[in-house]
Amino acid sequence: MFGIYSVSRVRMQTDSLWSIPSAASILHDGNTDLDEFRPTFMPDTDYARNEAGGHTYYAYPPGVMVSALPFVAAAEGLFSLMRPVLSHLGAFGAEALAWLELFQRTGWVDLGAYNRTEQLIASFYVCAAAAVLLITLRRRVSPGAALVTVLLFGLGTTAFSTASRVLWQHGPGLLTIACIMLLLARPAQTARTAFLLGLWVALAYVCRPTHSLSVLVVTGFMALKYRRQLPAYFAGAVLVAIPFCAYNLSVHGAVLSPYYRHPLDPLASRFFMALAANLVSPSRGLFVFSPFLVLGVVGFVQRWRRRALEPYEVVFAIILVLHWMVISSFAIWWAGHSVGPRFFTDALPYLVYFLAYPVQSVLEAPSRHRVLAGVLTVTAVFSVLVHWRASNSYDVHAWNSLPADVDRDPSRAWDWKDAQFLRAIPARYR
């Protein structure tokens, strides 16, 4: 998966533009402000910056820039150490020297030159999430079913076409959710696992505000089922929460940054339309871009009817439904300029978990489940092709702007004559 992600060409930087410069500021200046890059500020990147206390900061959650730190610090250290020999290493050496010079520069910098760096870091986090998800599923289904399910997650969803492309919040967030699932899917909780669970739940929130749903539901689950382990659980969470809140207080003068205070409006007239759009609209529908995920719903229903649901599986389902409702309550429910159901990316592991059960049925007895096997094969091939094209062709992304900007006309998300997934078809065939 990492190899496929790395060679895929599309690297659309939008929200992620200031993630690497922010990490550079932490390493070189010991702060997160972007003041040293003021000559780079332009009106078209204003949305990704905040002014606070006379300084300029990256507007998005701190988890994004922190997640880049170990990688850029290691690269800077390695390339600095190798500087005397890099000039003798051909193209690789030249690229390494250029990256080192860029990373250590202040003033005006070419933000677009970081797209490859972002891609490699984001790809690592998505692949790490897939690996943890594989371990989780292996406890519930056969190795083959777990592997097929994880490959479908990695290649047939927005984990590929969105989370792995550049350093959005989604990549690191997916890893935190996968770790939460791994810890929840245990026969029992000990003080050690509860501590780690609290740690990962808090890290999820630091990566993306919508993971507050995981915070609330998992905390409620622990309070109901593992009350004795709550002190350890909160100890893990506090280890992250204290520096997170302290950072926000020092920068923004509040416990939460402005990005964490976006309003929700479930009473808006658009709410039910957005609910439908996030599932089945031709340009933002989860089951349009990844139709095999319908079988995840089938897997849940089957386990519910058999009364085989584990308590933690109920937690997964509750978070998934709440996530669907919350993203449909956003004013920008169509997720701006993006590919397909971007807002659903963060909750994908919860749905993919239930997909593993139908996949196992197909692999164990394909002759008994011919219809299911056919549906899974056809929808999986379609999904992989769509997300592969979205990761290798800018035509799919051009839908957001042409023939009209989707931010100005979000009703385009329902236009079946110009569906975004159709842009995945090469123009000469379309």
Protein backbone atom coordinates (compact mmCIF):
# COMPACT_ATOMS: atom_id res chain seq x y z
CA MET A 1 0.00 0.00 0.00
CA PHE A 2 2.78 2.42 0.87
CA GLY A 3 4.38 1.79 -2.51
CA ILE A 4 1.10 2.46 -4.34
CA TYR A 5 0.50 5.62 -2.30
CA SER A 6 4.03 6.87 -2.95
CA VAL A 7 3.91 6.54 -6.74
CA SER A 8 0.40 8.02 -7.09
CA ARG A 9 0.78 11.47 -8.61
CA VAL A 10 -1.99 13.65 -7.19
CA ARG A 11 -0.86 15.81 -4.27
CA MET A 12 -3.40 18.60 -3.83
CA GLN A 13 -2.28 20.89 -1.00
CA THR A 14 -5.04 22.98 0.51
CA ASP A 15 -5.63 22.76 4.28
CA SER A 16 -2.20 21.17 4.70
CA LEU A 17 -0.14 24.02 3.22
CA TRP A 18 1.33 25.26 6.50
CA SER A 19 1.80 21.92 8.25
CA ILE A 20 5.50 21.47 7.37
CA PRO A 21 6.52 25.15 7.91
CA SER A 22 4.83 24.95 11.34
CA ALA A 23 6.89 21.87 12.17
CA ALA A 24 10.01 23.73 10.97
CA SER A 25 9.14 26.64 13.25
CA ILE A 26 8.90 24.27 16.24
CA LEU A 27 12.29 22.73 15.47
CA HIS A 28 14.17 25.92 14.62
CA ASP A 29 12.51 28.62 16.76
CA GLY A 30 10.86 26.65 19.56
CA ASN A 31 7.40 28.05 18.76
CA THR A 32 4.52 27.39 16.37
CA ASP A 33 4.04 30.85 14.92
CA LEU A 34 4.65 31.47 11.23
CA ASP A 35 6.00 35.01 11.59
CA GLU A 36 9.31 34.10 9.95
CA PHE A 37 7.41 33.20 6.76
CA ARG A 38 5.47 36.47 6.37
CA PRO A 39 6.79 37.14 2.83
CA THR A 40 5.03 33.90 1.83
CA PHE A 41 1.61 35.05 3.07
CA MET A 42 -0.86 35.49 0.23
CA PRO A 43 -4.62 36.09 0.18
CA ASP A 44 -5.35 32.63 -1.21
CA THR A 45 -3.79 30.99 1.88
CA ASP A 46 -5.48 33.27 4.44
CA TYR A 47 -8.04 30.60 5.32
CA ALA A 48 -5.28 28.34 6.70
CA ARG A 49 -3.85 30.97 9.07
CA ASN A 50 -5.02 32.62 12.29
CA GLU A 51 -3.88 35.85 13.89
CA ALA A 52 -3.53 35.72 17.67
CA GLY A 53 -1.61 37.96 20.05
CA GLY A 54 0.16 39.73 17.20
CA HIS A 55 1.45 36.46 15.71
CA THR A 56 0.29 34.24 12.87
CA TYR A 57 -0.45 30.54 13.39
CA TYR A 58 -1.55 27.53 11.39
CA ALA A 59 -5.34 27.46 11.71
CA TYR A 60 -5.77 23.71 11.89
CA PRO A 61 -5.33 21.31 14.85
CA PRO A 62 -1.84 21.03 16.37
CA GLY A 63 -1.90 17.26 15.92
CA VAL A 64 -1.14 17.76 12.23
CA MET A 65 2.11 19.65 12.65
CA VAL A 66 3.18 17.52 15.62
CA SER A 67 2.62 14.36 13.56
CA ALA A 68 5.13 15.68 11.01
CA LEU A 69 7.82 16.45 13.58
CA PRO A 70 9.54 13.05 13.92
CA PHE A 71 9.82 12.67 10.16
CA VAL A 72 11.11 16.13 9.28
CA ALA A 73 13.45 16.15 12.28
CA ALA A 74 14.91 12.79 11.22
CA ALA A 75 15.24 13.92 7.59
CA GLU A 76 16.93 17.18 8.57
CA GLY A 77 19.33 15.41 10.89
CA LEU A 78 20.21 12.72 8.35
CA PHE A 79 20.67 15.10 5.42
CA SER A 80 22.72 17.53 7.55
CA LEU A 81 24.97 14.67 8.59
CA MET A 82 25.34 13.52 4.99
CA ARG A 83 25.75 17.01 3.52
CA PRO A 84 29.45 16.52 2.56
CA VAL A 85 28.63 13.45 0.43
CA LEU A 86 25.19 14.37 -0.92
CA SER A 87 26.67 16.24 -3.87
CA HIS A 88 28.23 12.95 -5.01
CA LEU A 89 25.00 10.93 -4.86
CA GLY A 90 23.43 12.04 -8.13
CA ALA A 91 19.75 12.92 -8.33
CA PHE A 92 18.98 11.68 -4.81
CA GLY A 93 21.73 13.83 -3.33
CA ALA A 94 20.60 16.89 -5.27
CA GLU A 95 17.00 16.44 -4.12
CA ALA A 96 18.09 15.93 -0.52
CA LEU A 97 20.20 19.11 -0.58
CA ALA A 98 17.32 21.07 -2.14
CA TRP A 99 14.92 19.80 0.52
CA LEU A 100 17.34 20.66 3.33
CA GLU A 101 17.83 24.18 1.98
CA LEU A 102 14.07 24.63 1.65
CA PHE A 103 13.34 23.31 5.14
CA GLN A 104 15.90 25.60 6.78
CA ARG A 105 14.83 28.70 4.85
CA THR A 106 12.71 31.52 6.24
CA GLY A 107 11.11 34.48 4.49
CA TRP A 108 9.57 33.46 1.19
CA VAL A 109 9.29 29.68 0.70
CA ASP A 110 7.64 27.62 -2.00
CA LEU A 111 4.93 25.84 -0.03
CA GLY A 112 4.11 23.66 -3.02
CA ALA A 113 7.58 22.13 -2.86
CA TYR A 114 6.54 20.31 0.31
CA ASN A 115 3.85 18.26 -1.43
CA ARG A 116 6.08 15.18 -1.71
CA THR A 117 7.09 15.43 1.96
CA GLU A 118 3.48 15.65 3.00
CA GLN A 119 2.53 12.70 0.81
CA LEU A 120 5.15 10.38 2.32
CA ILE A 121 4.24 11.31 5.90
CA ALA A 122 0.50 10.98 5.27
CA SER A 123 1.00 7.65 3.49
CA PHE A 124 2.90 6.32 6.49
CA TYR A 125 0.05 7.19 8.86
CA VAL A 126 -2.63 5.63 6.66
CA CYS A 127 -0.57 2.46 6.23
CA ALA A 128 0.08 2.33 9.97
CA ALA A 129 -3.68 2.64 10.55
CA ALA A 130 -4.25 -0.23 8.10
CA ALA A 131 -1.69 -2.38 9.94
CA VAL A 132 -3.35 -1.78 13.32
CA LEU A 133 -6.78 -2.44 11.79
CA LEU A 134 -5.44 -5.72 10.39
CA ILE A 135 -4.38 -6.82 13.88
CA THR A 136 -7.80 -5.87 15.26
CA LEU A 137 -9.69 -7.78 12.58
CA ARG A 138 -7.42 -10.80 12.87
CA ARG A 139 -8.87 -11.34 16.35
CA ARG A 140 -12.38 -11.58 14.92
CA VAL A 141 -12.11 -13.15 11.45
CA SER A 142 -9.72 -15.31 9.44
CA PRO A 143 -6.35 -13.93 8.26
CA GLY A 144 -7.56 -13.90 4.65
CA ALA A 145 -10.74 -12.00 5.47
CA ALA A 146 -8.80 -9.49 7.59
CA LEU A 147 -6.27 -8.91 4.81
CA VAL A 148 -8.88 -8.48 2.05
CA THR A 149 -10.89 -6.10 4.23
CA VAL A 150 -7.85 -3.95 5.04
CA LEU A 151 -6.79 -3.81 1.38
CA LEU A 152 -10.28 -2.65 0.43
CA PHE A 153 -10.05 0.02 3.14
CA GLY A 154 -6.63 1.15 1.91
CA LEU A 155 -7.28 1.12 -1.84
CA GLY A 156 -11.03 1.50 -2.30
CA THR A 157 -11.91 4.44 -0.05
CA THR A 158 -10.91 8.03 0.65
CA ALA A 159 -8.14 6.62 2.83
CA PHE A 160 -6.36 6.38 -0.54
CA SER A 161 -7.71 9.34 -2.52
CA THR A 162 -7.74 11.81 0.41
CA ALA A 163 -5.89 10.79 3.58
CA SER A 164 -2.75 9.52 1.85
CA ARG A 165 -2.35 12.36 -0.65
CA VAL A 166 -1.05 15.17 1.60
CA LEU A 167 -0.89 15.84 5.33
CA TRP A 168 -4.56 16.48 6.05
CA GLN A 169 -5.87 15.84 9.56
CA HIS A 170 -7.28 12.55 8.29
CA GLY A 171 -4.08 10.49 8.08
CA PRO A 172 -2.87 10.82 11.69
CA GLY A 173 -6.51 10.73 12.82
CA LEU A 174 -7.06 7.35 11.17
CA LEU A 175 -4.14 5.88 13.11
CA THR A 176 -5.57 7.10 16.42
CA ILE A 177 -8.98 5.59 15.64
CA ALA A 178 -7.42 2.27 14.62
CA CYS A 179 -5.52 2.17 17.93
CA ILE A 180 -8.71 2.96 19.86
CA MET A 181 -10.45 0.05 18.12
CA LEU A 182 -7.55 -2.30 18.84
CA LEU A 183 -7.69 -1.48 22.55
CA LEU A 184 -11.48 -1.61 22.80
CA ALA A 185 -11.70 -5.00 21.03
CA ARG A 186 -10.20 -6.81 23.98
CA PRO A 187 -11.90 -9.36 26.22
CA ALA A 188 -11.23 -7.12 29.23
CA GLN A 189 -9.57 -3.84 30.15
CA THR A 190 -6.63 -3.62 32.52
CA ALA A 191 -5.17 -0.49 34.04
CA ARG A 192 -2.46 -0.51 31.36
CA THR A 193 -4.84 -0.86 28.40
CA ALA A 194 -7.24 1.70 29.90
CA PHE A 195 -4.34 4.16 30.25
CA LEU A 196 -3.36 3.61 26.60
CA LEU A 197 -6.99 3.91 25.51
CA GLY A 198 -7.33 7.28 27.23
CA LEU A 199 -4.09 8.41 25.62
CA TRP A 200 -5.21 7.50 22.09
CA VAL A 201 -8.71 8.93 22.58
CA ALA A 202 -7.18 12.28 23.57
CA LEU A 203 -4.71 12.15 20.67
CA ALA A 204 -7.63 11.58 18.28
CA TYR A 205 -9.23 14.82 19.46
CA VAL A 206 -5.94 16.70 19.08
CA CYS A 207 -5.87 15.55 15.44
CA ARG A 208 -9.45 16.46 14.49
CA PRO A 209 -12.47 17.96 16.32
CA THR A 210 -14.97 15.42 14.97
CA HIS A 211 -13.14 12.76 16.99
CA SER A 212 -14.86 14.33 20.00
CA LEU A 213 -17.55 11.75 19.25
CA SER A 214 -15.09 8.96 19.97
CA VAL A 215 -14.09 10.79 23.16
CA LEU A 216 -17.69 11.02 24.38
CA VAL A 217 -18.86 7.52 23.44
CA VAL A 218 -15.72 5.67 24.53
CA THR A 219 -15.65 7.55 27.83
CA GLY A 220 -19.31 6.64 28.40
CA PHE A 221 -18.54 3.01 27.56
CA MET A 222 -15.68 2.91 30.05
CA ALA A 223 -17.84 4.52 32.75
CA LEU A 224 -20.58 1.92 32.26
CA LYS A 225 -18.51 -1.22 31.79
CA TYR A 226 -15.06 -0.61 33.30
CA ARG A 227 -15.63 1.85 36.10
CA ARG A 228 -12.65 0.58 38.08
CA GLN A 229 -10.34 1.41 35.20
CA LEU A 230 -11.56 4.99 34.84
CA PRO A 231 -8.68 6.54 36.86
CA ALA A 232 -6.13 4.91 34.55
CA TYR A 233 -8.19 5.91 31.50
CA PHE A 234 -8.35 9.56 32.58
CA ALA A 235 -4.66 9.52 33.50
CA GLY A 236 -3.82 8.63 29.90
CA ALA A 237 -6.16 11.30 28.55
CA VAL A 238 -4.82 13.99 30.89
CA LEU A 239 -1.30 13.30 29.68
CA VAL A 240 -2.40 14.74 26.33
CA ALA A 241 -5.15 17.11 27.44
CA ILE A 242 -2.98 19.27 29.73
CA PRO A 243 -0.36 20.28 27.11
CA PHE A 244 -3.11 20.63 24.48
CA CYS A 245 -5.15 23.02 26.63
CA ALA A 246 -2.03 24.85 27.83
CA TYR A 247 -0.95 25.42 24.25
CA ASN A 248 -4.36 26.80 23.27
CA LEU A 249 -4.43 29.09 26.32
CA SER A 250 -0.98 30.45 25.55
CA VAL A 251 -1.76 31.08 21.87
CA HIS A 252 -5.50 31.76 21.67
CA GLY A 253 -6.34 32.71 25.24
CA ALA A 254 -8.94 29.93 25.36
CA VAL A 255 -8.97 26.19 26.08
CA LEU A 256 -9.96 25.51 22.46
CA SER A 257 -8.78 27.21 19.28
CA PRO A 258 -11.30 28.85 16.90
CA TYR A 259 -11.18 25.78 14.64
CA TYR A 260 -12.67 23.68 17.45
CA ARG A 261 -15.57 26.08 17.91
CA HIS A 262 -17.29 25.78 14.53
CA PRO A 263 -21.06 25.65 15.09
CA LEU A 264 -23.30 22.73 14.17
CA ASP A 265 -26.87 23.23 12.99
CA PRO A 266 -28.86 19.97 12.94
CA LEU A 267 -32.08 22.01 12.82
CA ALA A 268 -31.21 23.65 9.51
CA SER A 269 -33.49 22.91 6.58
CA ARG A 270 -30.56 21.38 4.69
CA PHE A 271 -29.85 18.74 7.39
CA PHE A 272 -31.86 15.85 5.96
CA MET A 273 -30.68 16.62 2.44
CA ALA A 274 -27.08 16.57 3.74
CA LEU A 275 -27.72 13.24 5.47
CA ALA A 276 -28.75 11.75 2.14
CA ALA A 277 -25.99 13.50 0.21
CA ASN A 278 -23.25 12.11 2.44
CA LEU A 279 -24.47 8.61 1.65
CA VAL A 280 -25.77 8.54 -1.91
CA SER A 281 -25.16 11.81 -3.79
CA PRO A 282 -23.18 11.26 -7.02
CA SER A 283 -20.31 13.52 -5.98
CA ARG A 284 -20.17 13.17 -2.20
CA GLY A 285 -21.92 9.88 -1.43
CA LEU A 286 -20.05 7.28 0.62
CA PHE A 287 -21.91 4.41 -1.03
CA VAL A 288 -21.35 5.89 -4.49
CA PHE A 289 -17.56 6.22 -4.24
CA SER A 290 -17.11 3.03 -2.18
CA PRO A 291 -20.26 0.93 -2.78
CA PHE A 292 -18.74 -2.19 -1.22
CA LEU A 293 -19.10 -0.44 2.16
CA VAL A 294 -22.82 -1.20 2.00
CA LEU A 295 -21.75 -4.69 3.02
CA GLY A 296 -20.39 -3.18 6.22
CA VAL A 297 -23.97 -2.21 7.09
CA VAL A 298 -25.04 -5.75 6.13
CA GLY A 299 -22.39 -7.18 8.45
CA PHE A 300 -23.67 -5.08 11.36
CA VAL A 301 -27.29 -6.06 10.73
CA GLN A 302 -26.38 -9.74 10.53
CA ARG A 303 -24.59 -9.64 13.87
CA TRP A 304 -27.42 -7.66 15.44
CA ARG A 305 -30.06 -10.13 14.25
CA ARG A 306 -27.99 -13.03 15.58
CA ARG A 307 -27.56 -11.17 18.88
CA ALA A 308 -23.83 -11.60 18.46
CA LEU A 309 -22.84 -7.97 18.85
CA GLU A 310 -20.08 -7.35 21.35
CA PRO A 311 -20.47 -4.26 23.57
CA TYR A 312 -17.55 -2.52 21.86
CA GLU A 313 -19.12 -3.23 18.46
CA VAL A 314 -22.16 -1.27 19.61
CA VAL A 315 -19.74 1.55 20.47
CA PHE A 316 -18.34 1.44 16.93
CA ALA A 317 -21.83 1.63 15.43
CA ILE A 318 -22.96 4.49 17.69
CA ILE A 319 -19.90 6.58 16.84
CA LEU A 320 -20.43 5.92 13.12
CA VAL A 321 -24.06 7.06 13.19
CA LEU A 322 -23.27 10.13 15.29
CA HIS A 323 -20.43 11.00 12.92
CA TRP A 324 -22.81 10.85 9.95
CA MET A 325 -25.23 13.19 11.76
CA VAL A 326 -22.51 15.65 12.78
CA ILE A 327 -20.90 16.00 9.35
CA SER A 328 -24.38 16.57 7.93
CA SER A 329 -24.84 19.40 10.43
CA PHE A 330 -21.84 21.33 9.11
CA ALA A 331 -22.58 24.46 7.11
CA ILE A 332 -20.09 23.15 4.51
CA TRP A 333 -21.51 19.61 4.51
CA TRP A 334 -20.02 18.92 1.03
CA ALA A 335 -16.47 19.19 2.48
CA GLY A 336 -15.26 21.96 0.18
CA HIS A 337 -12.86 21.12 -2.63
CA SER A 338 -12.28 17.43 -2.12
CA VAL A 339 -12.87 13.96 -3.54
CA GLY A 340 -16.11 12.20 -2.70
CA PRO A 341 -17.10 11.72 0.96
CA ARG A 342 -14.05 13.33 2.58
CA PHE A 343 -15.84 14.01 5.85
CA PHE A 344 -16.58 10.29 6.23
CA THR A 345 -12.88 9.43 6.05
CA ASP A 346 -12.37 9.74 9.81
CA ALA A 347 -15.04 7.14 10.65
CA LEU A 348 -14.12 4.61 7.96
CA PRO A 349 -12.39 2.12 10.31
CA TYR A 350 -15.60 1.73 12.33
CA LEU A 351 -17.57 0.75 9.22
CA VAL A 352 -14.79 -1.34 7.68
CA TYR A 353 -14.72 -3.43 10.85
CA PHE A 354 -18.22 -4.79 10.10
CA LEU A 355 -17.32 -5.34 6.44
CA ALA A 356 -14.93 -8.10 7.54
CA TYR A 357 -17.82 -10.45 8.42
CA PRO A 358 -19.41 -10.58 4.93
CA VAL A 359 -15.92 -10.82 3.44
CA GLN A 360 -15.24 -13.86 5.59
CA SER A 361 -18.52 -15.46 4.49
CA VAL A 362 -17.51 -15.04 0.85
CA LEU A 363 -14.01 -16.43 1.36
CA GLU A 364 -15.16 -19.41 3.44
CA ALA A 365 -17.99 -20.55 1.16
CA PRO A 366 -18.02 -18.68 -2.18
CA SER A 367 -20.37 -21.24 -3.80
CA ARG A 368 -22.95 -20.69 -1.05
CA HIS A 369 -22.70 -16.92 -1.33
CA ARG A 370 -22.46 -16.40 -5.07
CA VAL A 371 -24.59 -13.26 -5.13
CA LEU A 372 -22.68 -11.76 -2.21
CA ALA A 373 -19.37 -12.68 -3.83
CA GLY A 374 -20.44 -11.11 -7.11
CA VAL A 375 -21.60 -7.90 -5.45
CA LEU A 376 -18.40 -7.66 -3.41
CA THR A 377 -16.17 -8.25 -6.45
CA VAL A 378 -17.92 -5.78 -8.75
CA THR A 379 -18.24 -3.00 -6.17
CA ALA A 380 -14.66 -3.50 -4.95
CA VAL A 381 -13.20 -3.27 -8.46
CA PHE A 382 -15.25 -0.15 -9.18
CA SER A 383 -14.18 1.50 -5.91
CA VAL A 384 -10.49 0.76 -6.34
CA LEU A 385 -10.52 2.11 -9.90
CA VAL A 386 -12.31 5.33 -8.87
CA HIS A 387 -9.98 6.06 -5.98
CA TRP A 388 -6.90 5.08 -7.98
CA ARG A 389 -7.90 7.56 -10.70
CA ALA A 390 -8.64 10.23 -8.10
CA SER A 391 -5.12 9.69 -6.76
CA ASN A 392 -3.48 9.81 -10.19
CA SER A 393 -5.55 12.23 -12.28
CA TYR A 394 -6.31 15.87 -11.53
CA ASP A 395 -9.42 15.57 -13.73
CA VAL A 396 -11.35 14.23 -10.75
CA HIS A 397 -10.33 17.23 -8.63
CA ALA A 398 -11.18 19.65 -11.43
CA TRP A 399 -14.86 18.82 -10.84
CA ASN A 400 -14.72 21.04 -7.73
CA SER A 401 -14.05 24.13 -9.85
CA LEU A 402 -15.46 23.36 -13.30
CA PRO A 403 -17.93 24.23 -14.65
CA ALA A 404 -18.72 26.06 -11.37
CA ASP A 405 -17.17 26.28 -7.93
CA VAL A 406 -18.88 23.73 -5.67
CA ASP A 407 -18.45 26.09 -2.69
CA ARG A 408 -20.70 28.58 -4.47
CA ASP A 409 -23.11 25.98 -5.80
CA PRO A 410 -23.16 22.91 -3.50
CA SER A 411 -26.28 21.63 -5.29
CA ARG A 412 -23.84 20.30 -7.90
CA ALA A 413 -23.25 17.41 -5.50
CA TRP A 414 -26.61 16.02 -6.70
CA ASP A 415 -25.99 16.45 -10.44
CA TRP A 416 -25.95 12.92 -11.90
CA LYS A 417 -25.16 14.28 -15.37
CA ASP A 418 -21.88 15.67 -14.09
CA ALA A 419 -21.04 13.37 -11.19
CA GLN A 420 -17.54 13.68 -9.77
CA PHE A 421 -16.94 9.93 -9.94
CA LEU A 422 -17.55 10.09 -13.71
CA ARG A 423 -14.49 12.33 -14.00
CA ALA A 424 -12.51 9.22 -13.07
CA ILE A 425 -13.25 7.96 -16.58
CA PRO A 426 -10.53 9.20 -18.98
CA ALA A 427 -11.84 12.10 -21.07
CA ARG A 428 -11.48 10.26 -24.38
CA TYR A 429 -13.92 7.60 -23.15
CA ARG A 430 -16.19 9.86 -21.19
